[in-house]
Amino acid sequence: MEMSNELDRLLFFEQARKISEATYASNPLDADNLTRWAGALLELSQFQSVADSQKMIQDAISKLEEALSINPKKHDALWCLGNAQTSFAFLTNKEDEARPYFEKAAQYFQQAVDEDPGNEIYLKSLEISAKAPELHQEIVKHGLSQQALGAGPSTSSSSTKTATKNNKSSDLKYDIFGWIILAVGIVAWVGFAKSQMPPSPPPPPPR
């Protein structure tokens, strides 16, 4: 069942990506479409290798920056950009290389909060972003980054230890991406669903 759900998510966001790409061809100035496109790319990045995930996240960042060039105050794009920067940072093994991405993420989360101060998701993201560098430091310190971020299986000589470490690493990967990707996915999902809804019927004529 879980595998089926994962496949459904993959297919859904791949379709969303294609629709956004087609929409962009006809209307490149649609900031909402660019934001949905980026959200789909962030979701799809979960299913890739580390190198491919990084490329997909960079592509999402490019789309979000383009959306913000059209509408600099678009708070959902600012928030998604914070998520993308955080995601990329966690895919970086070196603390000094990851730090600038965490710093950018915090700035974008703060800008999103400034534009929409009552948004609880934005506030929570800003709060958690302050803890992200520390979590990344722990990952690097314990040498979990390669397994946690999907770079490959453990090379431990003990099969039991390998299985345990892989399970922990898998759990850690979902801990890292859970708060980031889930909400981004909701944004992309809702935006895509709205774009596919038929127009509302006209109101009945007055009697």
Protein backbone atom coordinates (compact mmCIF):
# COMPACT_ATOMS: atom_id res chain seq x y z
CA MET A 1 0.00 0.00 0.00
CA GLU A 2 2.81 2.40 0.93
CA MET A 3 4.62 1.66 -2.34
CA SER A 4 1.40 2.31 -4.24
CA ASN A 5 0.99 5.66 -2.47
CA GLU A 6 4.56 6.60 -3.33
CA LEU A 7 3.96 5.72 -6.97
CA ASP A 8 0.74 7.74 -6.98
CA ARG A 9 2.62 10.75 -5.61
CA LEU A 10 5.36 10.35 -8.18
CA LEU A 11 2.87 10.13 -11.05
CA PHE A 12 0.78 13.02 -9.75
CA PHE A 13 3.67 15.45 -9.39
CA GLU A 14 5.22 14.37 -12.67
CA GLN A 15 1.89 15.21 -14.33
CA ALA A 16 1.79 18.51 -12.42
CA ARG A 17 5.30 19.29 -13.65
CA LYS A 18 4.35 18.62 -17.27
CA ILE A 19 1.21 20.75 -17.02
CA SER A 20 3.16 23.61 -15.47
CA GLU A 21 5.77 23.33 -18.20
CA ALA A 22 3.06 23.51 -20.87
CA THR A 23 1.37 26.44 -19.11
CA TYR A 24 4.68 28.29 -18.94
CA ALA A 25 5.12 27.93 -22.71
CA SER A 26 1.87 29.84 -23.25
CA ASN A 27 2.11 32.21 -20.28
CA PRO A 28 5.65 32.68 -18.90
CA LEU A 29 4.54 35.51 -16.61
CA ASP A 30 2.22 33.36 -14.47
CA ALA A 31 3.89 33.51 -11.05
CA ASP A 32 1.40 31.04 -9.55
CA ASN A 33 2.24 28.48 -12.22
CA LEU A 34 5.97 28.92 -11.65
CA THR A 35 5.47 28.35 -7.93
CA ARG A 36 3.41 25.19 -8.57
CA TRP A 37 6.08 24.00 -10.98
CA ALA A 38 8.78 24.49 -8.35
CA GLY A 39 6.68 22.69 -5.73
CA ALA A 40 6.29 19.69 -8.05
CA LEU A 41 10.05 19.64 -8.67
CA LEU A 42 10.75 19.67 -4.92
CA GLU A 43 8.41 16.72 -4.47
CA LEU A 44 9.96 14.82 -7.37
CA SER A 45 13.45 15.45 -6.00
CA GLN A 46 12.70 12.98 -3.19
CA PHE A 47 12.68 10.13 -5.68
CA GLN A 48 16.09 10.90 -7.20
CA SER A 49 19.73 10.22 -6.40
CA VAL A 50 21.56 12.93 -4.45
CA ALA A 51 23.11 14.44 -7.58
CA ASP A 52 19.81 14.41 -9.48
CA SER A 53 17.98 15.78 -6.43
CA GLN A 54 20.40 18.70 -6.27
CA LYS A 55 19.84 19.48 -9.95
CA MET A 56 16.07 19.31 -9.51
CA ILE A 57 16.16 21.55 -6.43
CA GLN A 58 18.32 24.07 -8.27
CA ASP A 59 15.77 24.02 -11.08
CA ALA A 60 13.02 24.67 -8.53
CA ILE A 61 15.04 27.57 -7.08
CA SER A 62 15.35 29.04 -10.56
CA LYS A 63 11.57 28.81 -11.09
CA LEU A 64 10.86 30.45 -7.74
CA GLU A 65 13.31 33.27 -8.39
CA GLU A 66 11.57 33.82 -11.71
CA ALA A 67 8.19 33.93 -9.95
CA LEU A 68 9.54 36.50 -7.49
CA SER A 69 10.91 38.62 -10.33
CA ILE A 70 7.29 38.86 -11.48
CA ASN A 71 5.81 39.36 -8.02
CA PRO A 72 8.46 40.13 -5.34
CA LYS A 73 5.88 39.98 -2.54
CA LYS A 74 4.53 36.53 -3.41
CA HIS A 75 4.79 34.97 0.03
CA ASP A 76 4.17 31.35 -0.98
CA ALA A 77 7.05 31.57 -3.47
CA LEU A 78 9.28 33.10 -0.78
CA TRP A 79 8.35 30.28 1.57
CA CYS A 80 8.92 27.58 -1.05
CA LEU A 81 12.29 29.14 -1.82
CA GLY A 82 13.21 28.80 1.85
CA ASN A 83 12.24 25.14 1.66
CA ALA A 84 14.31 24.61 -1.48
CA GLN A 85 17.38 26.24 0.07
CA THR A 86 16.99 24.09 3.19
CA SER A 87 16.58 20.93 1.14
CA PHE A 88 19.71 21.68 -0.86
CA ALA A 89 21.67 22.37 2.32
CA PHE A 90 20.79 18.95 3.73
CA LEU A 91 22.07 17.35 0.54
CA THR A 92 25.47 18.99 1.15
CA ASN A 93 27.97 17.01 3.20
CA LYS A 94 30.18 19.91 4.28
CA GLU A 95 29.00 22.31 6.96
CA ASP A 96 30.72 25.36 5.48
CA GLU A 97 29.08 24.70 2.11
CA ALA A 98 25.66 24.09 3.63
CA ARG A 99 25.70 27.17 5.88
CA PRO A 100 24.98 29.79 3.16
CA TYR A 101 21.92 27.81 2.05
CA PHE A 102 20.58 27.66 5.60
CA GLU A 103 21.17 31.40 5.96
CA LYS A 104 19.32 32.13 2.72
CA ALA A 105 16.48 29.83 3.81
CA ALA A 106 16.04 31.74 7.07
CA GLN A 107 15.95 35.02 5.15
CA TYR A 108 13.27 33.77 2.77
CA PHE A 109 11.18 32.34 5.61
CA GLN A 110 11.40 35.69 7.39
CA GLN A 111 10.32 37.51 4.23
CA ALA A 112 7.37 35.14 3.85
CA VAL A 113 6.35 35.83 7.45
CA ASP A 114 6.72 39.57 6.85
CA GLU A 115 4.33 39.35 3.89
CA ASP A 116 1.84 37.06 5.68
CA PRO A 117 2.41 37.42 9.46
CA GLY A 118 -0.54 35.27 10.50
CA ASN A 119 0.48 32.18 8.51
CA GLU A 120 1.26 29.45 11.05
CA ILE A 121 3.12 27.28 8.53
CA TYR A 122 5.46 30.13 7.68
CA LEU A 123 6.03 30.88 11.37
CA LYS A 124 6.75 27.22 12.11
CA SER A 125 9.14 26.96 9.17
CA LEU A 126 11.02 30.05 10.40
CA GLU A 127 11.22 28.57 13.90
CA ILE A 128 12.50 25.19 12.70
CA SER A 129 14.96 26.74 10.25
CA ALA A 130 16.94 28.03 13.22
CA LYS A 131 17.51 24.42 14.29
CA ALA A 132 18.32 23.08 10.82
CA PRO A 133 22.09 23.85 10.87
CA GLU A 134 22.44 22.02 14.18
CA LEU A 135 20.64 18.97 12.79
CA HIS A 136 22.86 19.04 9.71
CA GLN A 137 25.92 19.26 11.94
CA GLU A 138 24.81 16.15 13.82
CA ILE A 139 24.25 14.29 10.57
CA VAL A 140 27.76 15.11 9.36
CA LYS A 141 29.27 14.41 12.77
CA HIS A 142 27.86 10.90 12.94
CA GLY A 143 28.63 10.16 9.33
CA LEU A 144 24.99 9.58 8.49
CA SER A 145 24.70 12.02 5.63
CA GLN A 146 25.45 9.58 2.83
CA GLN A 147 22.82 7.06 3.92
CA ALA A 148 20.38 9.64 5.26
CA LEU A 149 20.36 11.57 2.03
CA GLY A 150 20.12 8.57 -0.27
CA ALA A 151 23.70 8.32 -1.53
CA GLY A 152 23.87 4.56 -1.16
CA PRO A 153 23.95 1.59 1.19
CA SER A 154 26.19 1.23 4.20
CA THR A 155 29.55 -0.52 3.78
CA SER A 156 29.44 -2.10 7.24
CA SER A 157 30.75 -5.66 7.33
CA SER A 158 27.93 -6.74 9.60
CA SER A 159 24.66 -7.31 7.78
CA THR A 160 22.70 -6.78 11.00
CA LYS A 161 24.40 -3.45 11.66
CA THR A 162 23.91 -2.49 8.05
CA ALA A 163 20.17 -3.12 8.19
CA THR A 164 19.85 -1.22 11.46
CA LYS A 165 21.87 1.70 10.18
CA ASN A 166 19.92 1.84 6.94
CA ASN A 167 16.62 1.84 8.84
CA LYS A 168 17.81 4.67 11.06
CA SER A 169 19.12 6.54 8.06
CA SER A 170 15.83 6.15 6.23
CA ASP A 171 13.97 7.44 9.27
CA LEU A 172 16.36 10.37 9.49
CA LYS A 173 15.84 11.22 5.84
CA TYR A 174 12.09 11.47 6.40
CA ASP A 175 12.63 13.49 9.58
CA ILE A 176 14.68 15.99 7.59
CA PHE A 177 12.39 16.28 4.61
CA GLY A 178 9.07 15.69 6.31
CA TRP A 179 8.36 19.22 7.50
CA ILE A 180 9.81 20.73 4.34
CA ILE A 181 8.33 18.65 1.58
CA LEU A 182 4.92 17.82 3.03
CA ALA A 183 3.75 21.41 3.12
CA VAL A 184 5.32 22.18 -0.26
CA GLY A 185 3.47 19.20 -1.65
CA ILE A 186 0.20 20.49 -0.25
CA VAL A 187 0.76 23.84 -1.98
CA ALA A 188 1.53 22.18 -5.30
CA TRP A 189 -1.30 19.66 -4.90
CA VAL A 190 -3.94 22.27 -4.07
CA GLY A 191 -2.73 24.61 -6.79
CA PHE A 192 -2.78 21.82 -9.34
CA ALA A 193 -6.20 20.61 -8.22
CA LYS A 194 -7.62 24.14 -8.48
CA SER A 195 -6.20 24.52 -11.98
CA GLN A 196 -7.98 21.33 -13.04
CA MET A 197 -11.37 22.21 -11.56
CA PRO A 198 -14.16 23.02 -14.02
CA PRO A 199 -15.45 26.58 -13.91
CA SER A 200 -18.24 27.29 -11.48
CA PRO A 201 -21.71 27.22 -13.02
CA PRO A 202 -23.33 30.61 -13.48
CA PRO A 203 -25.81 31.66 -10.78
CA PRO A 204 -29.49 31.06 -11.52
CA PRO A 205 -31.30 34.00 -13.07
CA PRO A 206 -33.31 36.10 -10.61
CA ARG A 207 -37.01 35.38 -10.48
